[in-house]
Structures are given as structure tokens and as C-alpha cells.
Amino acid sequence: MNKPNLQVIKYVVKYLGTIVLLASVTLVLKLLEPQLEIQLIALLYLLPVLLSTVLWGLGAGLLSGLLSFLCFNFFFLQPYYTFSVHKNQDVITLFVFLIVVIVMSQLIGQAKSGIQLAKKREWEATKMYELIADLAGMTNEQDILSTLRNKITDTFNFQKVEINTRGFPLEQTDAASLESSQQTLIIPMETRTTEIGEIRLGTSERELTFEEQRLLHAFGYQGALAIERVHLFKNENKARVFEESDKLKTSLLNSISHELRSPLAAIKASISSLRSGAVKWDTTARTDLLATVEEETDQLNLLVGNLLDMSRIEAGALLPKKQWNSISEIISGVFTRLSAQVQKHELVLDLPGTLSLVATDYVMMEQVFTNLISNSVKYAPPGTPIVIRAHNELDALLIQVINQSPPVPEEHLEHIFDKFFRITKSDKVTGTGLGLSICKGIIEAHGGKIWAENTLGGFCFNISLPLTLDGQLPSIPEDASNG
């Protein structure tokens, strides 16, 4: 059955129901006429007017009012069964009755229309709230399109929905049948500044009301806003990443230029002195100059090594070659290699012979302890001890590197392993700010943890390394077990 036939049936039911209701009331009033006053009969005729307006709207109410006026005149005012009126009082009664009926129908109709409008607005507001709540926080265009499509389908019962966005993937439902629809409604998806795309709806089976079309346009606008918000968020993140990258590059260049200049200047000065002949080759000065060249070359090598390690850590290419190693041997080797650098400090090693072997990359762990000892030398006053101790725990080996540097503020402790983070100004303590970051990357690549804390014994770096390799437990070194 098509829509025009449905409309005709609706009108027939509405107005036929009004006539039947009024006829029923008239019949009842005619039967009760001997017991009723004429004024009461006029009041009772207001009931069908009230019911018709409430049930079927203003048109039915006005029709009921007109028919009530005629029936009241025809059946209850003398002379009966005519529309003529002999008494002036009856004329006034009829006139007042007609006015009351019309006014009451208008008021009731307006009240009913207001209620219907309020319900429609409530429905629109509820659907809009649901869509906005669903879209809030979404950061993916496909999720937004899928949510918008589902909300349109659920709200309007469409089976043919196609959302086409400019420069984004097509999100559609039954797009082939959409092309064959008798009618296609296009809803734009645009903000005040940007056209995002459009929503295409096949409307062959129903015609949208004004409120539904308005809600659909609001859906399109909210979808466009959500997609635009995602784009702005991505652009903002890109800008923030670029800004942070520029800051890191600036910090790196400033630090590297400073760190390169000092050892290069020392090497250049030493070599120039040796080549000039101002210093005799068999003197102690020659030995000192060569030692300076060697130390500064080691410093440059350490700097370049740190940069390479940092790049591998950030690229996720730092893969330790784990083997069973003795931490005592690693630390002793580092101490021997840094003997010249730590000559102004007392190095105290508390490494029991019962320490378990640890699955580590020997070269990487050397780098860790080299960086930690170098850091301690930079910040601890000359003449103070640098203590390295270790002991076995249940499933890990705990290593501590303790120096007598000033305490670090608590708010800085969690940041000292960040790249380029410096507590002391670079003009007071040299360094690139990468050493501790590299230590953290290497330890975490081994499955361990590293953290720093202020203790009563001094500033302490803590390292915890797992005591397993592919599920296997280590053994105690032979010299310890034989002893």
C-alpha cells in the first residue's frame, strides 16, 4: 500500500471517529434530556470536542466543535429538529457555546502540538547526544565513519547508506543497490571552513520528515567536525614532534660541538708541540703530550660510541649477544681501562666471589659501567670514594654504583636517564647528556632495570639484572665453589 492511500485512510479514521463520537454523545444526552438542564447539556457537549482534539488533533477538534454547535441547536433548543432559534437567550447561548468550543479546540490543539514538538526535540537532542558521545575521543577516521554510518542506520532504519569522504576510504553499506534506488538524498559533510565529504541515502521506501532531515544534516556536521578534529590533532602532533626534534637536534649539536672541540683542541696542541721541536723527544713532556693525545682520543671514541649506541637504541636495533659472564671481571676490566680517569678518586670494589654468572653482552655491560663511573667522576668531589658493590637476590643480581656527589632533587630523579637531561649547567660539567640514557637502554635490552636514589651513603645507581638465560639458571664460578 502506497503512502497516499495511507494518508486517506488516516483522514477517514480521524474524521469518521469524530462524527461517531459526537453521535454517541448526542444519543446519550437525548436519552437523559428530561433529567438535565440546558446549560449542563451545553457543557457536556464540550467533552467530545475535548476528546476529538486530544485524540486526532486540531482539525478533528474544530469539526467536533462545529457539529456540537449544530447538534445542540438541532436537538436541544426549541423549536426542536430545526436550526431556527426563537428566543434571544438561546441565540446568546449558542453564540457563547460556539466561541467556547472554538477557543477550547485551539488551546487544546496548541498544547498537543507543543507536546509533540517537545517530544521531537527531545528525540533529536537524545540522538545528537548519543552520536557526540560515541564520536568523542575517537582518533581514527575509519572508526568515525563506521560509527556515523551505524548511528544513521539505527536511527532512521536505512539499509542503504554510503559515506564518501574527500581523500579518505569509502565507507558504505549496499552501495550497489543504492545506485538503483528511486531517490537518493545527499547530506553534505562540511564544517564552516572545510568540505569533508557527503552522505548518500537511498530513500525509496520512505520520505523523511523535516525533523529527520534536520537531524541528518546535524549528523553530517558532527561527523565532519570529528574528522576535522582528528586531522588537527594529527597536525598538532606532527608539529610537536618536529618541534621536539628540532630541540633535540639543537641540543645535540650544541653538546657535540662543545664535546668535540675540547679534545680536538688538546690533541691539536699536543701534536703541534711535538712537531715544532720545542719539546725534546726524550723528555717527560713528550710522554705527557702523548698521554694527552691518547686520553683525548679515548674521549672522542667514547663520544662517538655513545652516539652510535643511542641511535641503535632508538632504532630498536640494540640486540645484546648474551653469554654467561662474571660481573666482577667486567667491572675490573673497566676499572683498569679508566685508571687514569679515576686517579683522583678511591675506587672501592665490594664484589663477593659467590656472585652468580649473569647472562649479558660483555661489551655492552662494559659501556654501562664506563658511563656510570665517568658520571661519578664528573659529579663527585676529588678524593671521595666511588663504591661498586653487588650481591645475589632471589632471581636477580643487584649492582650498586655509589658516589659522593650532591643529592639530586627528587623531582629530577626520574628524568636523569632522559636524553640530554642535565642537572648541572654544561659550562660547569662537560658531557653530552647521553651516557645515562644509553645505560638505561642497554640494561632494559637485557631485561633488567636501572634507577637512581639518594641514600645516606651517597648518590646511588641501582642495576638489577635477571639471572636466567633462555630459562636456564647460572652457576657459581668455579673458583668460588672450590674455595
Foldseek 3Di string as FASTA:
>chain_A
DDDVVVVVVLVCCLQVVLVVVLVVLLVVCLVCVVVDDLVVSLVSLLVSLLVSCLPPALVSSLVSLVVSLQSSQADPAPPHNDNDHDDPVVVVVSVVSSVVSNVVSVVSRVVNVVVVVVVLVVVLVVLLVVLLVLLPPDQDLVSLVVSLVVSLCVVVVAQWKWWDFVPDDTDTGPPVVQVVAPDKDKAWQADPVGGTTIMIGRQNPHDDDPSSVVSVNVSSPSSSVSVVVSVVVVVVVVVVVVVVVVVLVVLQVVQVVVLVVVLVVLLVVLVCCVVVPPDDCPDVSVVVSVVSNVVSVVSVVLVVVLVVLVVCLVVVNDAWPWDFDDPVVLLVVLCVVCVVVCVQEAEAEAEDLQDFTATGRSVLVNLLNNLVVNVLSQFADGHYYWYWYWDDDDFKIKIKTFHAGDFDPPVCFVPLLPAQDDPDDCVRTGDSSRSSVSNQSRLVSQVKGWGWHQDPRHTMIMIIGGQDDPRDGTDRDPVVVVD
